[in-house]
C-alpha atoms as a PDB file:
ATOM      1  CA  MET A   1     123.934-123.532-125.073  1.00  0.00           C
ATOM      2  CA  LEU A   2     125.622-125.881-122.619  1.00  0.00           C
ATOM      3  CA  GLU A   3     123.995-128.916-121.084  1.00  0.00           C
ATOM      4  CA  ARG A   4     124.440-129.610-117.372  1.00  0.00           C
ATOM      5  CA  SER A   5     127.446-131.766-118.150  1.00  0.00           C
ATOM      6  CA  GLY A   6     129.155-128.687-119.568  1.00  0.00           C
ATOM      7  CA  LEU A   7     129.290-130.160-123.073  1.00  0.00           C
ATOM      8  CA  PRO A   8     127.436-128.671-126.046  1.00  0.00           C
ATOM      9  CA  SER A   9     124.243-130.590-126.884  1.00  0.00           C
ATOM     10  CA  ASN A  10     125.396-131.306-130.445  1.00  0.00           C
ATOM     11  CA  TYR A  11     128.627-132.777-129.048  1.00  0.00           C
ATOM     12  CA  GLN A  12     126.574-135.144-126.887  1.00  0.00           C
ATOM     13  CA  ASN A  13     124.424-136.117-129.862  1.00  0.00           C
ATOM     14  CA  ILE A  14     127.509-136.934-131.941  1.00  0.00           C
ATOM     15  CA  SER A  15     128.899-138.993-129.077  1.00  0.00           C
ATOM     16  CA  VAL A  16     125.677-140.998-128.762  1.00  0.00           C
ATOM     17  CA  LEU A  17     125.490-141.444-132.527  1.00  0.00           C
ATOM     18  CA  ASN A  18     129.034-142.801-132.634  1.00  0.00           C
ATOM     19  CA  GLU A  19     128.192-145.210-129.808  1.00  0.00           C
ATOM     20  CA  ILE A  20     125.137-146.508-131.666  1.00  0.00           C
ATOM     21  CA  LEU A  21     127.048-146.918-134.929  1.00  0.00           C
ATOM     22  CA  GLY A  22     129.702-148.813-133.007  1.00  0.00           C
ATOM     23  CA  ALA A  23     127.035-151.033-131.469  1.00  0.00           C
ATOM     24  CA  LEU A  24     125.733-151.898-134.926  1.00  0.00           C
ATOM     25  CA  ASN A  25     129.193-152.683-136.264  1.00  0.00           C
ATOM     26  CA  LYS A  26     130.207-154.713-133.208  1.00  0.00           C
ATOM     27  CA  ASN A  27     126.975-156.753-133.006  1.00  0.00           C
ATOM     28  CA  GLN A  28     126.105-155.380-129.596  1.00  0.00           C
ATOM     29  CA  PHE A  29     122.382-155.450-130.317  1.00  0.00           C
ATOM     30  CA  LYS A  30     120.801-158.729-129.194  1.00  0.00           C
ATOM     31  CA  LEU A  31     117.359-160.266-129.431  1.00  0.00           C
ATOM     32  CA  PHE A  32     115.619-161.638-126.391  1.00  0.00           C
ATOM     33  CA  TYR A  33     112.374-163.587-126.665  1.00  0.00           C
ATOM     34  CA  GLN A  34     109.414-163.659-124.286  1.00  0.00           C
ATOM     35  CA  PRO A  35     106.883-166.505-124.578  1.00  0.00           C
ATOM     36  CA  ILE A  36     103.176-165.853-125.079  1.00  0.00           C
ATOM     37  CA  ILE A  37     101.019-168.561-123.518  1.00  0.00           C
ATOM     38  CA  ASP A  38      97.698-170.111-124.529  1.00  0.00           C
ATOM     39  CA  LEU A  39      95.800-169.678-121.257  1.00  0.00           C
ATOM     40  CA  SER A  40      93.523-172.638-121.907  1.00  0.00           C
ATOM     41  CA  ASN A  41      96.302-175.234-121.912  1.00  0.00           C
ATOM     42  CA  ALA A  42      99.536-173.468-120.808  1.00  0.00           C
ATOM     43  CA  GLU A  43     101.186-174.066-124.207  1.00  0.00           C
ATOM     44  CA  VAL A  44     103.718-171.643-125.637  1.00  0.00           C
ATOM     45  CA  THR A  45     102.265-170.474-128.940  1.00  0.00           C
ATOM     46  CA  ASN A  46     104.229-167.345-129.765  1.00  0.00           C
ATOM     47  CA  LEU A  47     107.543-165.662-129.038  1.00  0.00           C
ATOM     48  CA  GLU A  48     107.875-161.891-128.963  1.00  0.00           C
ATOM     49  CA  ALA A  49     111.247-160.585-130.141  1.00  0.00           C
ATOM     50  CA  LEU A  50     112.606-157.811-127.919  1.00  0.00           C
ATOM     51  CA  ILE A  51     115.792-155.951-128.803  1.00  0.00           C
ATOM     52  CA  ARG A  52     118.418-155.155-126.174  1.00  0.00           C
ATOM     53  CA  TRP A  53     121.675-153.241-126.380  1.00  0.00           C
ATOM     54  CA  GLU A  54     124.418-155.247-124.693  1.00  0.00           C
ATOM     55  CA  HIS A  55     126.516-152.233-123.744  1.00  0.00           C
ATOM     56  CA  PRO A  56     130.074-153.113-122.671  1.00  0.00           C
ATOM     57  CA  LEU A  57     129.930-150.712-119.702  1.00  0.00           C
ATOM     58  CA  LYS A  58     126.249-150.162-118.934  1.00  0.00           C
ATOM     59  CA  GLY A  59     125.033-153.733-119.395  1.00  0.00           C
ATOM     60  CA  LEU A  60     121.685-154.525-121.032  1.00  0.00           C
ATOM     61  CA  ILE A  61     119.769-151.450-122.168  1.00  0.00           C
ATOM     62  CA  SER A  62     116.090-151.662-123.126  1.00  0.00           C
ATOM     63  CA  PRO A  63     114.751-149.916-126.259  1.00  0.00           C
ATOM     64  CA  ALA A  64     113.504-146.942-124.244  1.00  0.00           C
ATOM     65  CA  GLY A  65     117.135-146.168-123.504  1.00  0.00           C
ATOM     66  CA  PHE A  66     118.260-145.853-127.120  1.00  0.00           C
ATOM     67  CA  PHE A  67     115.309-145.766-129.560  1.00  0.00           C
ATOM     68  CA  PRO A  68     114.890-141.965-129.355  1.00  0.00           C
ATOM     69  CA  GLN A  69     118.538-141.588-130.384  1.00  0.00           C
ATOM     70  CA  LEU A  70     118.077-144.111-133.196  1.00  0.00           C
ATOM     71  CA  GLU A  71     115.128-142.168-134.520  1.00  0.00           C
ATOM     72  CA  ALA A  72     116.904-138.817-134.221  1.00  0.00           C
ATOM     73  CA  ALA A  73     119.889-140.237-136.129  1.00  0.00           C
ATOM     74  CA  SER A  74     117.676-141.813-138.826  1.00  0.00           C
ATOM     75  CA  LEU A  75     118.963-145.277-137.865  1.00  0.00           C
ATOM     76  CA  LEU A  76     115.660-146.748-136.722  1.00  0.00           C
ATOM     77  CA  PHE A  77     114.942-148.302-140.111  1.00  0.00           C
ATOM     78  CA  SER A  78     118.329-150.055-140.212  1.00  0.00           C
ATOM     79  CA  VAL A  79     117.820-151.544-136.762  1.00  0.00           C
ATOM     80  CA  GLN A  80     114.255-152.655-137.501  1.00  0.00           C
ATOM     81  CA  GLU A  81     115.456-154.299-140.709  1.00  0.00           C
ATOM     82  CA  TRP A  82     118.160-156.108-138.705  1.00  0.00           C
ATOM     83  CA  VAL A  83     115.590-157.280-136.147  1.00  0.00           C
ATOM     84  CA  ILE A  84     113.277-158.702-138.801  1.00  0.00           C
ATOM     85  CA  GLU A  85     115.989-160.613-140.638  1.00  0.00           C
ATOM     86  CA  THR A  86     117.443-161.914-137.363  1.00  0.00           C
ATOM     87  CA  VAL A  87     114.032-163.191-136.264  1.00  0.00           C
ATOM     88  CA  ILE A  88     113.574-164.964-139.601  1.00  0.00           C
ATOM     89  CA  LYS A  89     116.967-166.636-139.202  1.00  0.00           C
ATOM     90  CA  ASP A  90     116.082-167.635-135.645  1.00  0.00           C
ATOM     91  CA  ILE A  91     112.824-169.162-136.882  1.00  0.00           C
ATOM     92  CA  GLU A  92     114.845-171.483-139.109  1.00  0.00           C
ATOM     93  CA  TYR A  93     116.810-172.618-136.053  1.00  0.00           C
ATOM     94  CA  MET A  94     113.805-172.904-133.717  1.00  0.00           C
ATOM     95  CA  ASP A  95     111.699-174.821-136.244  1.00  0.00           C
ATOM     96  CA  ARG A  96     113.948-177.841-135.740  1.00  0.00           C
ATOM     97  CA  LEU A  97     112.836-177.858-132.107  1.00  0.00           C
ATOM     98  CA  CYS A  98     109.426-176.143-131.981  1.00  0.00           C
ATOM     99  CA  PRO A  99     108.051-175.951-135.518  1.00  0.00           C
ATOM    100  CA  ASN A 100     104.610-174.464-134.920  1.00  0.00           C
ATOM    101  CA  LEU A 101     105.329-171.186-133.163  1.00  0.00           C
ATOM    102  CA  THR A 102     104.510-167.713-134.421  1.00  0.00           C
ATOM    103  CA  TYR A 103     106.791-164.739-133.786  1.00  0.00           C
ATOM    104  CA  SER A 104     105.920-161.168-132.851  1.00  0.00           C
ATOM    105  CA  ILE A 105     108.009-158.181-133.940  1.00  0.00           C
ATOM    106  CA  ASN A 106     107.470-154.602-132.815  1.00  0.00           C
ATOM    107  CA  LEU A 107     107.385-151.953-135.512  1.00  0.00           C
ATOM    108  CA  SER A 108     107.555-148.204-135.116  1.00  0.00           C
ATOM    109  CA  ALA A 109     105.289-146.021-137.223  1.00  0.00           C
ATOM    110  CA  SER A 110     107.665-143.076-137.001  1.00  0.00           C
ATOM    111  CA  GLU A 111     108.294-140.997-140.077  1.00  0.00           C
ATOM    112  CA  GLY A 112     110.952-142.272-142.448  1.00  0.00           C
ATOM    113  CA  SER A 113     111.125-145.861-141.221  1.00  0.00           C
ATOM    114  CA  PHE A 114     107.722-147.544-141.352  1.00  0.00           C
ATOM    115  CA  ASP A 115     106.949-147.076-145.033  1.00  0.00           C
ATOM    116  CA  ARG A 116     110.445-148.248-146.041  1.00  0.00           C
ATOM    117  CA  ILE A 117     110.057-151.655-144.417  1.00  0.00           C
ATOM    118  CA  LEU A 118     107.866-153.142-147.164  1.00  0.00           C
ATOM    119  CA  ALA A 119     110.661-153.520-149.738  1.00  0.00           C
ATOM    120  CA  PRO A 120     113.071-155.553-147.575  1.00  0.00           C
ATOM    121  CA  LEU A 121     110.168-157.660-146.291  1.00  0.00           C
ATOM    122  CA  ALA A 122     109.356-158.808-149.809  1.00  0.00           C
ATOM    123  CA  ILE A 123     113.035-159.692-150.314  1.00  0.00           C
ATOM    124  CA  PHE A 124     113.219-161.611-147.022  1.00  0.00           C
ATOM    125  CA  LEU A 125     110.123-163.651-147.844  1.00  0.00           C
ATOM    126  CA  GLU A 126     111.661-164.830-151.098  1.00  0.00           C
ATOM    127  CA  LYS A 127     115.174-165.287-149.713  1.00  0.00           C
ATOM    128  CA  TYR A 128     114.133-167.404-146.719  1.00  0.00           C
ATOM    129  CA  ASP A 129     111.011-169.068-148.157  1.00  0.00           C
ATOM    130  CA  LEU A 130     109.052-168.088-145.059  1.00  0.00           C
ATOM    131  CA  ASP A 131     105.297-168.314-144.571  1.00  0.00           C
ATOM    132  CA  PRO A 132     104.471-164.662-143.682  1.00  0.00           C
ATOM    133  CA  ALA A 133     101.614-165.789-141.417  1.00  0.00           C
ATOM    134  CA  ARG A 134     104.306-166.988-138.993  1.00  0.00           C
ATOM    135  CA  ILE A 135     105.098-163.343-138.164  1.00  0.00           C
ATOM    136  CA  ILE A 136     102.879-160.937-136.248  1.00  0.00           C
ATOM    137  CA  PHE A 137     103.803-157.280-136.544  1.00  0.00           C
ATOM    138  CA  GLU A 138     102.889-155.262-133.441  1.00  0.00           C
ATOM    139  CA  LEU A 139     102.237-151.541-133.525  1.00  0.00           C
ATOM    140  CA  ALA A 140     101.456-149.490-130.434  1.00  0.00           C
ATOM    141  CA  GLU A 141      97.988-147.998-130.394  1.00  0.00           C
ATOM    142  CA  THR A 142      99.334-144.490-129.797  1.00  0.00           C
ATOM    143  CA  SER A 143     101.776-144.896-132.692  1.00  0.00           C
ATOM    144  CA  ILE A 144      98.910-145.742-135.038  1.00  0.00           C
ATOM    145  CA  PHE A 145      96.867-142.808-133.784  1.00  0.00           C
ATOM    146  CA  ASN A 146      99.721-140.345-134.341  1.00  0.00           C
ATOM    147  CA  HIS A 147     100.266-141.419-137.980  1.00  0.00           C
ATOM    148  CA  GLN A 148      96.766-142.610-138.735  1.00  0.00           C
ATOM    149  CA  SER A 149      96.112-142.353-142.489  1.00  0.00           C
ATOM    150  CA  LYS A 150      99.606-143.388-143.543  1.00  0.00           C
ATOM    151  CA  THR A 151      99.757-146.212-141.025  1.00  0.00           C
ATOM    152  CA  TYR A 152      96.431-147.690-142.080  1.00  0.00           C
ATOM    153  CA  SER A 153      97.622-147.897-145.674  1.00  0.00           C
ATOM    154  CA  ILE A 154     100.895-149.627-144.773  1.00  0.00           C
ATOM    155  CA  LEU A 155      99.133-152.075-142.440  1.00  0.00           C
ATOM    156  CA  GLU A 156      96.923-153.052-145.374  1.00  0.00           C
ATOM    157  CA  ASP A 157     100.073-153.625-147.450  1.00  0.00           C
ATOM    158  CA  LEU A 158     101.514-155.848-144.705  1.00  0.00           C
ATOM    159  CA  ARG A 159      98.321-157.891-144.639  1.00  0.00           C
ATOM    160  CA  ASP A 160      98.417-158.179-148.435  1.00  0.00           C
ATOM    161  CA  LEU A 161     101.893-159.720-148.058  1.00  0.00           C
ATOM    162  CA  GLY A 162     100.371-162.271-145.664  1.00  0.00           C
ATOM    163  CA  PHE A 163     101.617-161.014-142.291  1.00  0.00           C
ATOM    164  CA  GLN A 164      99.451-160.879-139.190  1.00  0.00           C
ATOM    165  CA  ILE A 165      98.809-157.621-137.339  1.00  0.00           C
ATOM    166  CA  ALA A 166      98.515-156.867-133.617  1.00  0.00           C
ATOM    167  CA  ILE A 167      97.666-153.631-131.822  1.00  0.00           C
ATOM    168  CA  ASP A 168      99.995-153.312-128.835  1.00  0.00           C
ATOM    169  CA  ASP A 169      99.208-151.523-125.546  1.00  0.00           C
ATOM    170  CA  PHE A 170      95.527-151.588-126.470  1.00  0.00           C
ATOM    171  CA  GLY A 171      93.488-149.192-124.343  1.00  0.00           C
ATOM    172  CA  SER A 172      96.433-146.918-123.557  1.00  0.00           C
ATOM    173  CA  GLY A 173      95.371-144.156-125.945  1.00  0.00           C
ATOM    174  CA  TYR A 174      92.377-142.766-127.769  1.00  0.00           C
ATOM    175  CA  ALA A 175      92.329-144.934-130.878  1.00  0.00           C
ATOM    176  CA  SER A 176      90.902-148.179-129.426  1.00  0.00           C
ATOM    177  CA  SER A 177      87.457-148.211-131.021  1.00  0.00           C
ATOM    178  CA  ASP A 178      88.744-146.663-134.247  1.00  0.00           C
ATOM    179  CA  CYS A 179      91.392-149.392-134.574  1.00  0.00           C
ATOM    180  CA  LEU A 180      88.785-152.114-134.239  1.00  0.00           C
ATOM    181  CA  ASN A 181      86.370-150.427-136.635  1.00  0.00           C
ATOM    182  CA  SER A 182      88.849-149.400-139.318  1.00  0.00           C
ATOM    183  CA  LEU A 183      91.574-152.049-139.361  1.00  0.00           C
ATOM    184  CA  GLN A 184      91.562-155.716-140.191  1.00  0.00           C
ATOM    185  CA  ILE A 185      93.655-156.988-137.312  1.00  0.00           C
ATOM    186  CA  ASP A 186      94.362-160.392-135.814  1.00  0.00           C
ATOM    187  CA  TYR A 187      95.279-159.571-132.219  1.00  0.00           C
ATOM    188  CA  VAL A 188      94.896-156.912-129.587  1.00  0.00           C
ATOM    189  CA  LYS A 189      97.323-156.827-126.676  1.00  0.00           C
ATOM    190  CA  LEU A 190      95.670-155.420-123.581  1.00  0.00           C
ATOM    191  CA  ASP A 191      97.782-152.761-121.905  1.00  0.00           C
ATOM    192  CA  GLN A 192      99.283-154.093-118.704  1.00  0.00           C
ATOM    193  CA  LYS A 193      97.726-151.274-116.660  1.00  0.00           C
ATOM    194  CA  PHE A 194      94.413-153.140-116.991  1.00  0.00           C
ATOM    195  CA  ILE A 195      95.912-156.473-115.923  1.00  0.00           C
ATOM    196  CA  LYS A 196      97.770-155.446-112.770  1.00  0.00           C
ATOM    197  CA  ASN A 197      95.723-156.690-109.783  1.00  0.00           C
ATOM    198  CA  ILE A 198      92.734-157.248-112.048  1.00  0.00           C
ATOM    199  CA  ASP A 199      91.349-159.810-109.600  1.00  0.00           C
ATOM    200  CA  GLN A 200      90.863-156.909-107.144  1.00  0.00           C
ATOM    201  CA  ASN A 201      89.907-154.073-109.501  1.00  0.00           C
ATOM    202  CA  VAL A 202      86.252-154.034-110.567  1.00  0.00           C
ATOM    203  CA  LEU A 203      86.702-151.186-113.050  1.00  0.00           C
ATOM    204  CA  ASN A 204      89.511-152.966-114.892  1.00  0.00           C
ATOM    205  CA  GLN A 205      87.522-156.198-114.825  1.00  0.00           C
ATOM    206  CA  THR A 206      84.662-154.381-116.570  1.00  0.00           C
ATOM    207  CA  VAL A 207      86.954-152.890-119.220  1.00  0.00           C
ATOM    208  CA  VAL A 208      88.710-156.194-119.955  1.00  0.00           C
ATOM    209  CA  SER A 209      85.481-158.227-120.018  1.00  0.00           C
ATOM    210  CA  ALA A 210      83.919-155.752-122.453  1.00  0.00           C
ATOM    211  CA  THR A 211      87.011-155.821-124.683  1.00  0.00           C
ATOM    212  CA  LEU A 212      87.003-159.624-124.704  1.00  0.00           C
ATOM    213  CA  ALA A 213      83.340-159.675-125.696  1.00  0.00           C
ATOM    214  CA  ILE A 214      83.868-157.207-128.559  1.00  0.00           C
ATOM    215  CA  ALA A 215      86.968-159.072-129.756  1.00  0.00           C
ATOM    216  CA  ARG A 216      85.071-162.376-129.889  1.00  0.00           C
ATOM    217  CA  ARG A 217      82.357-160.792-132.031  1.00  0.00           C
ATOM    218  CA  LEU A 218      85.030-159.498-134.416  1.00  0.00           C
ATOM    219  CA  ASN A 219      87.055-162.732-134.366  1.00  0.00           C
ATOM    220  CA  ILE A 220      90.073-160.947-132.888  1.00  0.00           C
ATOM    221  CA  LYS A 221      92.330-162.796-130.462  1.00  0.00           C
ATOM    222  CA  VAL A 222      93.303-161.087-127.204  1.00  0.00           C
ATOM    223  CA  ILE A 223      96.675-161.204-125.436  1.00  0.00           C
ATOM    224  CA  ALA A 224      96.884-159.908-121.868  1.00  0.00           C
ATOM    225  CA  GLU A 225     100.219-158.210-121.202  1.00  0.00           C
ATOM    226  CA  GLY A 226     101.948-157.914-117.855  1.00  0.00           C
ATOM    227  CA  VAL A 227     100.575-161.022-116.133  1.00  0.00           C
ATOM    228  CA  GLU A 228     102.665-161.265-112.972  1.00  0.00           C
ATOM    229  CA  ARG A 229     100.513-163.113-110.428  1.00  0.00           C
ATOM    230  CA  SER A 230      98.643-166.408-110.353  1.00  0.00           C
ATOM    231  CA  GLU A 231      95.452-164.558-109.375  1.00  0.00           C
ATOM    232  CA  GLU A 232      95.656-162.463-112.547  1.00  0.00           C
ATOM    233  CA  TYR A 233      96.267-165.559-114.652  1.00  0.00           C
ATOM    234  CA  LEU A 234      93.314-167.432-113.110  1.00  0.00           C
ATOM    235  CA  TRP A 235      90.960-164.467-113.546  1.00  0.00           C
ATOM    236  CA  LEU A 236      91.896-164.085-117.216  1.00  0.00           C
ATOM    237  CA  LYS A 237      91.584-167.819-117.816  1.00  0.00           C
ATOM    238  CA  GLY A 238      88.156-167.758-116.202  1.00  0.00           C
ATOM    239  CA  GLU A 239      87.089-165.009-118.611  1.00  0.00           C
ATOM    240  CA  ASP A 240      88.303-167.091-121.589  1.00  0.00           C
ATOM    241  CA  CYS A 241      91.053-164.650-122.538  1.00  0.00           C
ATOM    242  CA  SER A 242      93.009-166.393-125.285  1.00  0.00           C
ATOM    243  CA  PHE A 243      96.618-165.618-124.403  1.00  0.00           C
ATOM    244  CA  GLY A 244      98.805-164.188-121.663  1.00  0.00           C
ATOM    245  CA  GLN A 245     102.309-162.758-121.468  1.00  0.00           C
ATOM    246  CA  GLY A 246     104.313-161.626-118.475  1.00  0.00           C
ATOM    247  CA  PHE A 247     106.789-162.450-115.741  1.00  0.00           C
ATOM    248  CA  TYR A 248     104.385-164.980-114.183  1.00  0.00           C
ATOM    249  CA  PHE A 249     105.109-167.211-117.167  1.00  0.00           C
ATOM    250  CA  ALA A 250     108.600-166.198-118.257  1.00  0.00           C
ATOM    251  CA  HIS A 251     110.976-163.262-118.536  1.00  0.00           C
ATOM    252  CA  PRO A 252     112.486-162.295-121.894  1.00  0.00           C
ATOM    253  CA  MET A 253     115.474-164.530-122.561  1.00  0.00           C
ATOM    254  CA  PRO A 254     118.199-165.169-125.136  1.00  0.00           C
ATOM    255  CA  LEU A 255     117.562-167.725-127.855  1.00  0.00           C
ATOM    256  CA  GLU A 256     119.729-170.379-126.209  1.00  0.00           C
ATOM    257  CA  GLU A 257     117.492-170.393-123.100  1.00  0.00           C
ATOM    258  CA  LEU A 258     114.241-170.726-124.994  1.00  0.00           C
ATOM    259  CA  CYS A 259     114.167-174.489-125.343  1.00  0.00           C
ATOM    260  CA  GLU A 260     114.476-175.029-121.604  1.00  0.00           C
ATOM    261  CA  SER A 261     111.616-172.613-121.012  1.00  0.00           C
ATOM    262  CA  ILE A 262     109.391-174.305-123.577  1.00  0.00           C
ATOM    263  CA  GLU A 263     110.166-177.703-122.044  1.00  0.00           C
ATOM    264  CA  PHE A 264     109.086-176.279-118.672  1.00  0.00           C
ATOM    265  CA  PHE A 265     105.699-175.289-120.026  1.00  0.00           C
ATOM    266  CA  ASP A 266     105.304-178.686-121.694  1.00  0.00           C
ATOM    267  CA  HIS A 267     105.860-180.356-118.326  1.00  0.00           C
ATOM    268  CA  GLN A 268     103.466-177.907-116.682  1.00  0.00           C
ATOM    269  CA  LYS A 269     100.800-178.792-119.226  1.00  0.00           C
ATOM    270  CA  GLN A 270     101.273-182.526-118.679  1.00  0.00           C
ATOM    271  CA  GLY A 271     100.844-182.060-114.938  1.00  0.00           C
ATOM    272  CA  GLN A 272      97.497-180.293-115.262  1.00  0.00           C
END
């Protein structure tokens, strides 16, 4: 069967696979970091690591543009392992400047990659003498729901190693209440669809307020994703939401730009 380009589909797959292997060998994958802000005092408390493909012709490509190919080629584990070790190395560098930050890393619960991550994690902890509580592993709510029993077991193993756990895109699927009831988690990240124009949307206000109340009872911290306007920030702050993340505060940025961004928030805090 021919694709619209006129090339066989397996030919296209091989071409993409070769591109991805070349990207790995040529260090074309880069980490960007987006600050997460304590809404009570405007301090940067956490940095989320976000992978980008710095393609020589197409420019920066987000994970949605290449993760399906990684998974199909059974390369997702290798890339996730690279991300984790790179973050740990970056922590060593950043600790000389900002020693008290935590770092968030996205994990995929797809078959063949998630369960393999435990072995290298144990090696990294010993090799770099890292406090595992400095790292928060984020898993999308829908990803947990799709691989429920296996995922729950591995999340327990991650907690046993000392890592923190966050449920990403919380409220986007059908596993919200089950996640809170069944998992020992540290954070929930509210899906950005609830945050957009929340100052004007009574339904979303009700959902977020209820989630905040439940999280407080369970001693779970809440991060609001996708904060893009001052009105959203002020509404969340007024509801005592713990943390916020989004373009209103900062875009994802390379490591070398982080210090300037953190200095900006320090100045902002001093001016309050």
